[in-house]
Structures are given as C-alpha cells and as structure tokens.
Amino acid sequence: MFQLCADDFAFRRVGKLVQAIVVLAIAVTMLDVAWTTARVAV
C-alpha cells in the first residue's frame, strides 16, 4: 500500500481539494454560529 500510494501520487489532484477548502471557508464565514473552542475542536 505504501508503494502504491507513493509511486502513483498525483499532486495535480490538489485542484479539487483547493476548491473544497474555499467552499468550506466561505461556509464557515456565513454560518450564524458562535465559534467556541469546543466547536473548533470538533
């Protein structure tokens, strides 16, 4: 498994991850939520 994951690593897939992070960041700013330490930890 280690060899498969390392040898076939495809950094170009990071474009999808960046898109997801942007959507999550925007959603967090839109939420009417008090961001306590517990909520951030969860």
Full PDB file with SEQRES, HELIX, SHEET, SSBOND, CRYST1, ORIGX, SCALE, CONECT and MASTER records, all heavy atoms in Angstrom:
SEQRES   1 A   42  MET PHE GLN LEU CYS ALA ASP ASP PHE ALA PHE ARG ARG          
SEQRES   2 A   42  VAL GLY LYS LEU VAL GLN ALA ILE VAL VAL LEU ALA ILE          
SEQRES   3 A   42  ALA VAL THR MET LEU ASP VAL ALA TRP THR THR ALA ARG          
SEQRES   4 A   42  VAL ALA VAL                                                  
HELIX    1 AA1 PHE A    2  ASP A    7  1                                   6    
HELIX    2 AA2 PHE A   11  ARG A   13  5                                   3    
HELIX    3 AA3 VAL A   14  MET A   30  1                                  17    
HELIX    4 AA4 THR A   37  ALA A   41  1                                   5    
CRYST1    1.000    1.000    1.000  90.00  90.00  90.00 P 1           1          
ORIGX1      1.000000  0.000000  0.000000        0.00000                         
ORIGX2      0.000000  1.000000  0.000000        0.00000                         
ORIGX3      0.000000  0.000000  1.000000        0.00000                         
SCALE1      1.000000  0.000000  0.000000        0.00000                         
SCALE2      0.000000  1.000000  0.000000        0.00000                         
SCALE3      0.000000  0.000000  1.000000        0.00000                         
ATOM      1  N   MET A   1       0.829  -1.200   0.000  1.00  0.00           N  
ATOM      2  CA  MET A   1       0.000   0.000   0.000  1.00  0.00           C  
ATOM      3  C   MET A   1       0.864   1.251   0.000  1.00  0.00           C  
ATOM      4  O   MET A   1       0.578   2.228  -0.700  1.00  0.00           O  
ATOM      5  CB  MET A   1      -0.948   0.008   1.193  1.00  0.00           C  
ATOM      6  CG  MET A   1      -1.955   1.148   1.141  1.00  0.00           C  
ATOM      7  SD  MET A   1      -2.970   1.291   2.623  1.00  0.00           S  
ATOM      8  CE  MET A   1      -3.683  -0.337   2.681  1.00  0.00           C  
ATOM      9  N   PHE A   2       1.922   1.238   0.800  1.00  0.00           N  
ATOM     10  CA  PHE A   2       2.839   2.378   0.849  1.00  0.00           C  
ATOM     11  C   PHE A   2       3.404   2.659  -0.542  1.00  0.00           C  
ATOM     12  O   PHE A   2       3.452   3.804  -0.990  1.00  0.00           O  
ATOM     13  CB  PHE A   2       3.971   2.078   1.833  1.00  0.00           C  
ATOM     14  CG  PHE A   2       4.996   3.181   1.935  1.00  0.00           C  
ATOM     15  CD1 PHE A   2       4.847   4.204   2.846  1.00  0.00           C  
ATOM     16  CD2 PHE A   2       6.115   3.184   1.101  1.00  0.00           C  
ATOM     17  CE1 PHE A   2       5.785   5.222   2.941  1.00  0.00           C  
ATOM     18  CE2 PHE A   2       7.050   4.187   1.180  1.00  0.00           C  
ATOM     19  CZ  PHE A   2       6.891   5.214   2.104  1.00  0.00           C  
ATOM     20  N   GLN A   3       3.821   1.597  -1.235  1.00  0.00           N  
ATOM     21  CA  GLN A   3       4.399   1.768  -2.561  1.00  0.00           C  
ATOM     22  C   GLN A   3       3.379   2.302  -3.562  1.00  0.00           C  
ATOM     23  O   GLN A   3       3.685   3.187  -4.365  1.00  0.00           O  
ATOM     24  CB  GLN A   3       4.962   0.442  -3.061  1.00  0.00           C  
ATOM     25  CG  GLN A   3       6.154  -0.065  -2.260  1.00  0.00           C  
ATOM     26  CD  GLN A   3       6.662  -1.375  -2.824  1.00  0.00           C  
ATOM     27  OE1 GLN A   3       7.215  -1.423  -3.922  1.00  0.00           O  
ATOM     28  NE2 GLN A   3       6.480  -2.449  -2.076  1.00  0.00           N  
ATOM     29  N   LEU A   4       2.153   1.766  -3.516  1.00  0.00           N  
ATOM     30  CA  LEU A   4       1.117   2.235  -4.428  1.00  0.00           C  
ATOM     31  C   LEU A   4       0.824   3.721  -4.223  1.00  0.00           C  
ATOM     32  O   LEU A   4       0.758   4.493  -5.180  1.00  0.00           O  
ATOM     33  CB  LEU A   4      -0.168   1.432  -4.222  1.00  0.00           C  
ATOM     34  CG  LEU A   4      -0.259   0.063  -4.872  1.00  0.00           C  
ATOM     35  CD1 LEU A   4      -1.519  -0.650  -4.393  1.00  0.00           C  
ATOM     36  CD2 LEU A   4      -0.258   0.171  -6.389  1.00  0.00           C  
ATOM     37  N   CYS A   5       0.664   4.107  -2.963  1.00  0.00           N  
ATOM     38  CA  CYS A   5       0.278   5.485  -2.658  1.00  0.00           C  
ATOM     39  C   CYS A   5       1.389   6.474  -2.976  1.00  0.00           C  
ATOM     40  O   CYS A   5       1.122   7.607  -3.383  1.00  0.00           O  
ATOM     41  CB  CYS A   5      -0.130   5.603  -1.192  1.00  0.00           C  
ATOM     42  SG  CYS A   5      -1.643   4.699  -0.793  1.00  0.00           S  
ATOM     43  N   ALA A   6       2.636   6.057  -2.800  1.00  0.00           N  
ATOM     44  CA  ALA A   6       3.762   6.953  -3.068  1.00  0.00           C  
ATOM     45  C   ALA A   6       4.112   6.985  -4.553  1.00  0.00           C  
ATOM     46  O   ALA A   6       4.328   8.053  -5.137  1.00  0.00           O  
ATOM     47  CB  ALA A   6       4.978   6.522  -2.248  1.00  0.00           C  
ATOM     48  N   ASP A   7       4.156   5.804  -5.174  1.00  0.00           N  
ATOM     49  CA  ASP A   7       4.575   5.721  -6.571  1.00  0.00           C  
ATOM     50  C   ASP A   7       3.561   6.347  -7.508  1.00  0.00           C  
ATOM     51  O   ASP A   7       3.920   6.941  -8.528  1.00  0.00           O  
ATOM     52  CB  ASP A   7       4.810   4.256  -6.951  1.00  0.00           C  
ATOM     53  CG  ASP A   7       5.414   4.128  -8.338  1.00  0.00           C  
ATOM     54  OD1 ASP A   7       6.407   4.819  -8.617  1.00  0.00           O  
ATOM     55  OD2 ASP A   7       4.903   3.324  -9.135  1.00  0.00           O  
ATOM     56  N   ASP A   8       2.260   6.237  -7.192  1.00  0.00           N  
ATOM     57  CA  ASP A   8       1.209   6.787  -8.048  1.00  0.00           C  
ATOM     58  C   ASP A   8       0.673   8.116  -7.529  1.00  0.00           C  
ATOM     59  O   ASP A   8      -0.421   8.543  -7.919  1.00  0.00           O  
ATOM     60  CB  ASP A   8       0.048   5.787  -8.168  1.00  0.00           C  
ATOM     61  CG  ASP A   8       0.441   4.568  -8.987  1.00  0.00           C  
ATOM     62  OD1 ASP A   8       1.279   4.719  -9.889  1.00  0.00           O  
ATOM     63  OD2 ASP A   8      -0.076   3.472  -8.715  1.00  0.00           O  
ATOM     64  N   PHE A   9       1.426   8.773  -6.643  1.00  0.00           N  
ATOM     65  CA  PHE A   9       0.990  10.053  -6.088  1.00  0.00           C  
ATOM     66  C   PHE A   9       0.769  11.060  -7.212  1.00  0.00           C  
ATOM     67  O   PHE A   9       1.608  11.238  -8.096  1.00  0.00           O  
ATOM     68  CB  PHE A   9       2.046  10.587  -5.119  1.00  0.00           C  
ATOM     69  CG  PHE A   9       1.699  11.913  -4.512  1.00  0.00           C  
ATOM     70  CD1 PHE A   9       0.828  11.989  -3.442  1.00  0.00           C  
ATOM     71  CD2 PHE A   9       2.247  13.092  -5.010  1.00  0.00           C  
ATOM     72  CE1 PHE A   9       0.509  13.208  -2.869  1.00  0.00           C  
ATOM     73  CE2 PHE A   9       1.933  14.313  -4.444  1.00  0.00           C  
ATOM     74  CZ  PHE A   9       1.068  14.371  -3.371  1.00  0.00           C  
ATOM     75  N   ALA A  10      -0.387  11.719  -7.193  1.00  0.00           N  
ATOM     76  CA  ALA A  10      -0.741  12.667  -8.255  1.00  0.00           C  
ATOM     77  C   ALA A  10      -1.071  14.018  -7.631  1.00  0.00           C  
ATOM     78  O   ALA A  10      -2.200  14.247  -7.193  1.00  0.00           O  
ATOM     79  CB  ALA A  10      -1.904  12.145  -9.078  1.00  0.00           C  
ATOM     80  N   PHE A  11      -0.091  14.908  -7.596  1.00  0.00           N  
ATOM     81  CA  PHE A  11      -0.283  16.214  -6.983  1.00  0.00           C  
ATOM     82  C   PHE A  11      -1.306  17.046  -7.753  1.00  0.00           C  
ATOM     83  O   PHE A  11      -1.937  17.941  -7.182  1.00  0.00           O  
ATOM     84  CB  PHE A  11       1.056  16.958  -6.935  1.00  0.00           C  
ATOM     85  CG  PHE A  11       0.985  18.280  -6.223  1.00  0.00           C  
ATOM     86  CD1 PHE A  11       0.856  18.333  -4.847  1.00  0.00           C  
ATOM     87  CD2 PHE A  11       1.021  19.470  -6.943  1.00  0.00           C  
ATOM     88  CE1 PHE A  11       0.786  19.547  -4.184  1.00  0.00           C  
ATOM     89  CE2 PHE A  11       0.952  20.689  -6.289  1.00  0.00           C  
ATOM     90  CZ  PHE A  11       0.838  20.721  -4.911  1.00  0.00           C  
ATOM     91  N   ARG A  12      -1.490  16.734  -9.045  1.00  0.00           N  
ATOM     92  CA  ARG A  12      -2.425  17.519  -9.850  1.00  0.00           C  
ATOM     93  C   ARG A  12      -3.859  17.407  -9.341  1.00  0.00           C  
ATOM     94  O   ARG A  12      -4.710  18.220  -9.692  1.00  0.00           O  
ATOM     95  CB  ARG A  12      -2.356  17.081 -11.309  1.00  0.00           C  
ATOM     96  CG  ARG A  12      -2.743  15.642 -11.568  1.00  0.00           C  
ATOM     97  CD  ARG A  12      -2.554  15.267 -13.036  1.00  0.00           C  
ATOM     98  NE  ARG A  12      -2.939  13.891 -13.317  1.00  0.00           N  
ATOM     99  CZ  ARG A  12      -2.160  12.845 -13.168  1.00  0.00           C  
ATOM    100  NH1 ARG A  12      -0.925  13.022 -12.717  1.00  0.00           N  
ATOM    101  NH2 ARG A  12      -2.583  11.626 -13.455  1.00  0.00           N  
ATOM    102  N   ARG A  13      -4.148  16.401  -8.507  1.00  0.00           N  
ATOM    103  CA  ARG A  13      -5.491  16.269  -7.945  1.00  0.00           C  
ATOM    104  C   ARG A  13      -5.789  17.331  -6.887  1.00  0.00           C  
ATOM    105  O   ARG A  13      -6.918  17.447  -6.425  1.00  0.00           O  
ATOM    106  CB  ARG A  13      -5.650  14.886  -7.313  1.00  0.00           C  
ATOM    107  CG  ARG A  13      -5.609  13.741  -8.303  1.00  0.00           C  
ATOM    108  CD  ARG A  13      -5.651  12.416  -7.591  1.00  0.00           C  
ATOM    109  NE  ARG A  13      -5.642  11.298  -8.516  1.00  0.00           N  
ATOM    110  CZ  ARG A  13      -5.477  10.040  -8.142  1.00  0.00           C  
ATOM    111  NH1 ARG A  13      -5.316   9.742  -6.865  1.00  0.00           N  
ATOM    112  NH2 ARG A  13      -5.475   9.072  -9.035  1.00  0.00           N  
ATOM    113  N   VAL A  14      -4.770  18.091  -6.517  1.00  0.00           N  
ATOM    114  CA  VAL A  14      -4.952  19.069  -5.443  1.00  0.00           C  
ATOM    115  C   VAL A  14      -5.932  20.172  -5.850  1.00  0.00           C  
ATOM    116  O   VAL A  14      -6.482  20.870  -4.991  1.00  0.00           O  
ATOM    117  CB  VAL A  14      -3.580  19.668  -5.053  1.00  0.00           C  
ATOM    118  CG1 VAL A  14      -3.103  20.709  -6.068  1.00  0.00           C  
ATOM    119  CG2 VAL A  14      -3.637  20.281  -3.661  1.00  0.00           C  
ATOM    120  N   GLY A  15      -6.182  20.337  -7.153  1.00  0.00           N  
ATOM    121  CA  GLY A  15      -7.136  21.358  -7.597  1.00  0.00           C  
ATOM    122  C   GLY A  15      -8.520  21.141  -6.996  1.00  0.00           C  
ATOM    123  O   GLY A  15      -9.204  22.097  -6.608  1.00  0.00           O  
ATOM    124  N   LYS A  16      -8.935  19.880  -6.904  1.00  0.00           N  
ATOM    125  CA  LYS A  16     -10.236  19.569  -6.310  1.00  0.00           C  
ATOM    126  C   LYS A  16     -10.238  19.885  -4.824  1.00  0.00           C  
ATOM    127  O   LYS A  16     -11.243  20.357  -4.276  1.00  0.00           O  
ATOM    128  CB  LYS A  16     -10.566  18.098  -6.554  1.00  0.00           C  
ATOM    129  CG  LYS A  16     -10.721  17.743  -8.019  1.00  0.00           C  
ATOM    130  CD  LYS A  16     -11.105  16.301  -8.217  1.00  0.00           C  
ATOM    131  CE  LYS A  16      -9.951  15.350  -8.008  1.00  0.00           C  
ATOM    132  NZ  LYS A  16     -10.265  13.952  -8.366  1.00  0.00           N  
ATOM    133  N   LEU A  17      -9.108  19.627  -4.156  1.00  0.00           N  
ATOM    134  CA  LEU A  17      -9.014  19.893  -2.728  1.00  0.00           C  
ATOM    135  C   LEU A  17      -9.071  21.392  -2.441  1.00  0.00           C  
ATOM    136  O   LEU A  17      -9.733  21.820  -1.489  1.00  0.00           O  
ATOM    137  CB  LEU A  17      -7.707  19.296  -2.185  1.00  0.00           C  
ATOM    138  CG  LEU A  17      -7.392  19.548  -0.711  1.00  0.00           C  
ATOM    139  CD1 LEU A  17      -8.489  18.977   0.175  1.00  0.00           C  
ATOM    140  CD2 LEU A  17      -6.038  18.938  -0.342  1.00  0.00           C  
ATOM    141  N   VAL A  18      -8.403  22.189  -3.263  1.00  0.00           N  
ATOM    142  CA  VAL A  18      -8.416  23.643  -3.076  1.00  0.00           C  
ATOM    143  C   VAL A  18      -9.842  24.179  -3.194  1.00  0.00           C  
ATOM    144  O   VAL A  18     -10.284  25.014  -2.407  1.00  0.00           O  
ATOM    145  CB  VAL A  18      -7.493  24.326  -4.101  1.00  0.00           C  
ATOM    146  CG1 VAL A  18      -7.682  25.845  -4.067  1.00  0.00           C  
ATOM    147  CG2 VAL A  18      -6.034  23.977  -3.814  1.00  0.00           C  
ATOM    148  N   GLN A  19     -10.570  23.689  -4.190  1.00  0.00           N  
ATOM    149  CA  GLN A  19     -11.968  24.105  -4.368  1.00  0.00           C  
ATOM    150  C   GLN A  19     -12.793  23.795  -3.134  1.00  0.00           C  
ATOM    151  O   GLN A  19     -13.606  24.614  -2.683  1.00  0.00           O  
ATOM    152  CB  GLN A  19     -12.544  23.390  -5.595  1.00  0.00           C  
ATOM    153  CG  GLN A  19     -13.998  23.677  -5.878  1.00  0.00           C  
ATOM    154  CD  GLN A  19     -14.924  22.654  -5.193  1.00  0.00           C  
ATOM    155  OE1 GLN A  19     -16.039  22.957  -4.808  1.00  0.00           O  
ATOM    156  NE2 GLN A  19     -14.446  21.437  -5.006  1.00  0.00           N  
ATOM    157  N   ALA A  20     -12.594  22.614  -2.553  1.00  0.00           N  
ATOM    158  CA  ALA A  20     -13.352  22.218  -1.362  1.00  0.00           C  
ATOM    159  C   ALA A  20     -13.005  23.108  -0.171  1.00  0.00           C  
ATOM    160  O   ALA A  20     -13.885  23.491   0.611  1.00  0.00           O  
ATOM    161  CB  ALA A  20     -13.061  20.761  -1.034  1.00  0.00           C  
ATOM    162  N   ILE A  21     -11.727  23.425  -0.025  1.00  0.00           N  
ATOM    163  CA  ILE A  21     -11.295  24.286   1.083  1.00  0.00           C  
ATOM    164  C   ILE A  21     -11.919  25.675   0.957  1.00  0.00           C  
ATOM    165  O   ILE A  21     -12.362  26.274   1.951  1.00  0.00           O  
ATOM    166  CB  ILE A  21      -9.760  24.376   1.126  1.00  0.00           C  
ATOM    167  CG1 ILE A  21      -9.164  23.012   1.501  1.00  0.00           C  
ATOM    168  CG2 ILE A  21      -9.302  25.444   2.115  1.00  0.00           C  
ATOM    169  CD1 ILE A  21      -7.657  22.955   1.410  1.00  0.00           C  
ATOM    170  N   VAL A  22     -11.979  26.202  -0.255  1.00  0.00           N  
ATOM    171  CA  VAL A  22     -12.570  27.529  -0.481  1.00  0.00           C  
ATOM    172  C   VAL A  22     -14.049  27.522  -0.104  1.00  0.00           C  
ATOM    173  O   VAL A  22     -14.537  28.434   0.585  1.00  0.00           O  
ATOM    174  CB  VAL A  22     -12.384  27.958  -1.950  1.00  0.00           C  
ATOM    175  CG1 VAL A  22     -13.206  29.213  -2.254  1.00  0.00           C  
ATOM    176  CG2 VAL A  22     -10.909  28.210  -2.248  1.00  0.00           C  
ATOM    177  N   VAL A  23     -14.778  26.496  -0.539  1.00  0.00           N  
ATOM    178  CA  VAL A  23     -16.209  26.410  -0.206  1.00  0.00           C  
ATOM    179  C   VAL A  23     -16.403  26.315   1.303  1.00  0.00           C  
ATOM    180  O   VAL A  23     -17.277  26.980   1.876  1.00  0.00           O  
ATOM    181  CB  VAL A  23     -16.858  25.200  -0.908  1.00  0.00           C  
ATOM    182  CG1 VAL A  23     -18.289  24.991  -0.399  1.00  0.00           C  
ATOM    183  CG2 VAL A  23     -16.873  25.403  -2.414  1.00  0.00           C  
ATOM    184  N   LEU A  24     -15.588  25.498   1.970  1.00  0.00           N  
ATOM    185  CA  LEU A  24     -15.708  25.351   3.423  1.00  0.00           C  
ATOM    186  C   LEU A  24     -15.413  26.672   4.128  1.00  0.00           C  
ATOM    187  O   LEU A  24     -16.121  27.055   5.074  1.00  0.00           O  
ATOM    188  CB  LEU A  24     -14.756  24.259   3.921  1.00  0.00           C  
ATOM    189  CG  LEU A  24     -14.721  24.051   5.437  1.00  0.00           C  
ATOM    190  CD1 LEU A  24     -16.107  23.693   5.972  1.00  0.00           C  
ATOM    191  CD2 LEU A  24     -13.715  22.956   5.813  1.00  0.00           C  
ATOM    192  N   ALA A  25     -14.381  27.381   3.683  1.00  0.00           N  
ATOM    193  CA  ALA A  25     -14.020  28.657   4.308  1.00  0.00           C  
ATOM    194  C   ALA A  25     -15.161  29.666   4.161  1.00  0.00           C  
ATOM    195  O   ALA A  25     -15.490  30.397   5.115  1.00  0.00           O  
ATOM    196  CB  ALA A  25     -12.741  29.201   3.675  1.00  0.00           C  
ATOM    197  N   ILE A  26     -15.777  29.713   2.990  1.00  0.00           N  
ATOM    198  CA  ILE A  26     -16.893  30.638   2.770  1.00  0.00           C  
ATOM    199  C   ILE A  26     -18.090  30.239   3.635  1.00  0.00           C  
ATOM    200  O   ILE A  26     -18.752  31.090   4.240  1.00  0.00           O  
ATOM    201  CB  ILE A  26     -17.288  30.657   1.280  1.00  0.00           C  
ATOM    202  CG1 ILE A  26     -16.153  31.254   0.448  1.00  0.00           C  
ATOM    203  CG2 ILE A  26     -18.579  31.444   1.074  1.00  0.00           C  
ATOM    204  CD1 ILE A  26     -16.385  31.183  -1.052  1.00  0.00           C  
ATOM    205  N   ALA A  27     -18.357  28.934   3.722  1.00  0.00           N  
ATOM    206  CA  ALA A  27     -19.482  28.466   4.535  1.00  0.00           C  
ATOM    207  C   ALA A  27     -19.301  28.829   6.001  1.00  0.00           C  
ATOM    208  O   ALA A  27     -20.253  29.249   6.669  1.00  0.00           O  
ATOM    209  CB  ALA A  27     -19.625  26.950   4.382  1.00  0.00           C  
ATOM    210  N   VAL A  28     -18.072  28.670   6.499  1.00  0.00           N  
ATOM    211  CA  VAL A  28     -17.795  28.985   7.903  1.00  0.00           C  
ATOM    212  C   VAL A  28     -18.072  30.460   8.195  1.00  0.00           C  
ATOM    213  O   VAL A  28     -18.621  30.817   9.248  1.00  0.00           O  
ATOM    214  CB  VAL A  28     -16.341  28.616   8.252  1.00  0.00           C  
ATOM    215  CG1 VAL A  28     -15.933  29.224   9.594  1.00  0.00           C  
ATOM    216  CG2 VAL A  28     -16.178  27.096   8.293  1.00  0.00           C  
ATOM    217  N   THR A  29     -17.715  31.342   7.268  1.00  0.00           N  
ATOM    218  CA  THR A  29     -17.950  32.775   7.476  1.00  0.00           C  
ATOM    219  C   THR A  29     -19.431  33.128   7.388  1.00  0.00           C  
ATOM    220  O   THR A  29     -19.865  34.133   7.967  1.00  0.00           O  
ATOM    221  CB  THR A  29     -17.172  33.603   6.440  1.00  0.00           C  
ATOM    222  OG1 THR A  29     -17.625  33.267   5.112  1.00  0.00           O  
ATOM    223  CG2 THR A  29     -15.677  33.320   6.541  1.00  0.00           C  
ATOM    224  N   MET A  30     -20.209  32.321   6.682  1.00  0.00           N  
ATOM    225  CA  MET A  30     -21.640  32.596   6.512  1.00  0.00           C  
ATOM    226  C   MET A  30     -22.484  32.063   7.663  1.00  0.00           C  
ATOM    227  O   MET A  30     -23.613  32.523   7.870  1.00  0.00           O  
ATOM    228  CB  MET A  30     -22.140  31.968   5.200  1.00  0.00           C  
ATOM    229  CG  MET A  30     -21.591  32.607   3.937  1.00  0.00           C  
ATOM    230  SD  MET A  30     -22.096  31.661   2.449  1.00  0.00           S  
ATOM    231  CE  MET A  30     -23.896  31.713   2.599  1.00  0.00           C  
ATOM    232  N   LEU A  31     -21.973  31.116   8.414  1.00  0.00           N  
ATOM    233  CA  LEU A  31     -22.761  30.479   9.463  1.00  0.00           C  
ATOM    234  C   LEU A  31     -23.002  31.427  10.637  1.00  0.00           C  
ATOM    235  O   LEU A  31     -22.111  32.168  11.049  1.00  0.00           O  
ATOM    236  CB  LEU A  31     -22.055  29.224   9.965  1.00  0.00           C  
ATOM    237  CG  LEU A  31     -22.017  28.032   9.002  1.00  0.00           C  
ATOM    238  CD1 LEU A  31     -21.104  26.948   9.556  1.00  0.00           C  
ATOM    239  CD2 LEU A  31     -23.422  27.476   8.779  1.00  0.00           C  
ATOM    240  N   ASP A  32     -24.196  31.352  11.167  1.00  0.00           N  
ATOM    241  CA  ASP A  32     -24.532  32.123  12.369  1.00  0.00           C  
ATOM    242  C   ASP A  32     -24.243  31.239  13.584  1.00  0.00           C  
ATOM    243  O   ASP A  32     -25.162  30.735  14.247  1.00  0.00           O  
ATOM    244  CB  ASP A  32     -26.004  32.537  12.324  1.00  0.00           C  
ATOM    245  CG  ASP A  32     -26.375  33.437  13.494  1.00  0.00           C  
ATOM    246  OD1 ASP A  32     -25.453  33.996  14.131  1.00  0.00           O  
ATOM    247  OD2 ASP A  32     -27.581  33.552  13.774  1.00  0.00           O  
ATOM    248  N   VAL A  33     -22.949  31.043  13.845  1.00  0.00           N  
ATOM    249  CA  VAL A  33     -22.505  30.137  14.899  1.00  0.00           C  
ATOM    250  C   VAL A  33     -21.448  30.831  15.748  1.00  0.00           C  
ATOM    251  O   VAL A  33     -20.558  31.510  15.219  1.00  0.00           O  
ATOM    252  CB  VAL A  33     -21.917  28.835  14.299  1.00  0.00           C  
ATOM    253  CG1 VAL A  33     -21.237  28.005  15.368  1.00  0.00           C  
ATOM    254  CG2 VAL A  33     -23.023  28.025  13.634  1.00  0.00           C  
ATOM    255  N   ALA A  34     -21.542  30.664  17.060  1.00  0.00           N  
ATOM    256  CA  ALA A  34     -20.502  31.160  17.965  1.00  0.00           C  
ATOM    257  C   ALA A  34     -19.371  30.128  17.995  1.00  0.00           C  
ATOM    258  O   ALA A  34     -19.548  29.033  18.534  1.00  0.00           O  
ATOM    259  CB  ALA A  34     -21.069  31.381  19.365  1.00  0.00           C  
ATOM    260  N   TRP A  35     -18.232  30.487  17.428  1.00  0.00           N  
ATOM    261  CA  TRP A  35     -17.141  29.525  17.289  1.00  0.00           C  
ATOM    262  C   TRP A  35     -16.352  29.409  18.595  1.00  0.00           C  
ATOM    263  O   TRP A  35     -15.332  30.051  18.789  1.00  0.00           O  
ATOM    264  CB  TRP A  35     -16.232  29.911  16.123  1.00  0.00           C  
ATOM    265  CG  TRP A  35     -16.881  29.621  14.808  1.00  0.00           C  
ATOM    266  CD1 TRP A  35     -17.500  30.510  13.975  1.00  0.00           C  
ATOM    267  CD2 TRP A  35     -17.032  28.336  14.204  1.00  0.00           C  
ATOM    268  NE1 TRP A  35     -18.023  29.868  12.882  1.00  0.00           N  
ATOM    269  CE2 TRP A  35     -17.748  28.529  12.986  1.00  0.00           C  
ATOM    270  CE3 TRP A  35     -16.635  27.047  14.561  1.00  0.00           C  
ATOM    271  CZ2 TRP A  35     -18.063  27.470  12.139  1.00  0.00           C  
ATOM    272  CZ3 TRP A  35     -16.959  25.993  13.713  1.00  0.00           C  
ATOM    273  CH2 TRP A  35     -17.654  26.208  12.520  1.00  0.00           C  
ATOM    274  N   THR A  36     -16.871  28.570  19.467  1.00  0.00           N  
ATOM    275  CA  THR A  36     -16.189  28.282  20.727  1.00  0.00           C  
ATOM    276  C   THR A  36     -15.024  27.329  20.471  1.00  0.00           C  
ATOM    277  O   THR A  36     -14.882  26.746  19.391  1.00  0.00           O  
ATOM    278  CB  THR A  36     -17.166  27.632  21.720  1.00  0.00           C  
ATOM    279  OG1 THR A  36     -17.618  26.377  21.169  1.00  0.00           O  
ATOM    280  CG2 THR A  36     -18.370  28.525  21.973  1.00  0.00           C  
ATOM    281  N   THR A  37     -14.191  27.176  21.501  1.00  0.00           N  
ATOM    282  CA  THR A  37     -13.065  26.245  21.385  1.00  0.00           C  
ATOM    283  C   THR A  37     -13.542  24.834  21.097  1.00  0.00           C  
ATOM    284  O   THR A  37     -12.947  24.104  20.295  1.00  0.00           O  
ATOM    285  CB  THR A  37     -12.235  26.254  22.680  1.00  0.00           C  
ATOM    286  OG1 THR A  37     -11.773  27.586  22.940  1.00  0.00           O  
ATOM    287  CG2 THR A  37     -11.030  25.326  22.558  1.00  0.00           C  
ATOM    288  N   ALA A  38     -14.639  24.439  21.728  1.00  0.00           N  
ATOM    289  CA  ALA A  38     -15.179  23.090  21.526  1.00  0.00           C  
ATOM    290  C   ALA A  38     -15.635  22.891  20.082  1.00  0.00           C  
ATOM    291  O   ALA A  38     -15.380  21.842  19.476  1.00  0.00           O  
ATOM    292  CB  ALA A  38     -16.338  22.845  22.484  1.00  0.00           C  
ATOM    293  N   ARG A  39     -16.320  23.892  19.519  1.00  0.00           N  
ATOM    294  CA  ARG A  39     -16.791  23.763  18.146  1.00  0.00           C  
ATOM    295  C   ARG A  39     -15.618  23.706  17.159  1.00  0.00           C  
ATOM    296  O   ARG A  39     -15.641  22.935  16.199  1.00  0.00           O  
ATOM    297  CB  ARG A  39     -17.723  24.923  17.793  1.00  0.00           C  
ATOM    298  CG  ARG A  39     -19.135  24.776  18.360  1.00  0.00           C  
ATOM    299  CD  ARG A  39     -20.085  25.766  17.709  1.00  0.00           C  
ATOM    300  NE  ARG A  39     -21.471  25.458  18.010  1.00  0.00           N  
ATOM    301  CZ  ARG A  39     -22.172  26.034  18.977  1.00  0.00           C  
ATOM    302  NH1 ARG A  39     -21.590  26.962  19.748  1.00  0.00           N  
ATOM    303  NH2 ARG A  39     -23.437  25.697  19.183  1.00  0.00           N  
ATOM    304  N   VAL A  40     -14.610  24.521  17.376  1.00  0.00           N  
ATOM    305  CA  VAL A  40     -13.434  24.490  16.507  1.00  0.00           C  
ATOM    306  C   VAL A  40     -12.748  23.128  16.602  1.00  0.00           C  
ATOM    307  O   VAL A  40     -12.314  22.556  15.592  1.00  0.00           O  
ATOM    308  CB  VAL A  40     -12.450  25.619  16.880  1.00  0.00           C  
ATOM    309  CG1 VAL A  40     -11.144  25.478  16.102  1.00  0.00           C  
ATOM    310  CG2 VAL A  40     -13.078  26.980  16.607  1.00  0.00           C  
ATOM    311  N   ALA A  41     -12.664  22.591  17.816  1.00  0.00           N  
ATOM    312  CA  ALA A  41     -12.033  21.281  18.011  1.00  0.00           C  
ATOM    313  C   ALA A  41     -12.821  20.185  17.298  1.00  0.00           C  
ATOM    314  O   ALA A  41     -12.232  19.294  16.671  1.00  0.00           O  
ATOM    315  CB  ALA A  41     -11.920  20.976  19.503  1.00  0.00           C  
ATOM    316  N   VAL A  42     -14.154  20.249  17.392  1.00  0.00           N  
ATOM    317  CA  VAL A  42     -14.984  19.241  16.720  1.00  0.00           C  
ATOM    318  C   VAL A  42     -14.835  19.358  15.202  1.00  0.00           C  
ATOM    319  O   VAL A  42     -14.767  18.342  14.497  1.00  0.00           O  
ATOM    320  CB  VAL A  42     -16.460  19.381  17.138  1.00  0.00           C  
ATOM    321  CG1 VAL A  42     -17.353  18.508  16.261  1.00  0.00           C  
ATOM    322  CG2 VAL A  42     -16.635  18.997  18.594  1.00  0.00           C  
TER     323      VAL A  42                                                      
MASTER        0    0    0    4    0    0    0    6  322    1    0    4          
END                                                                             
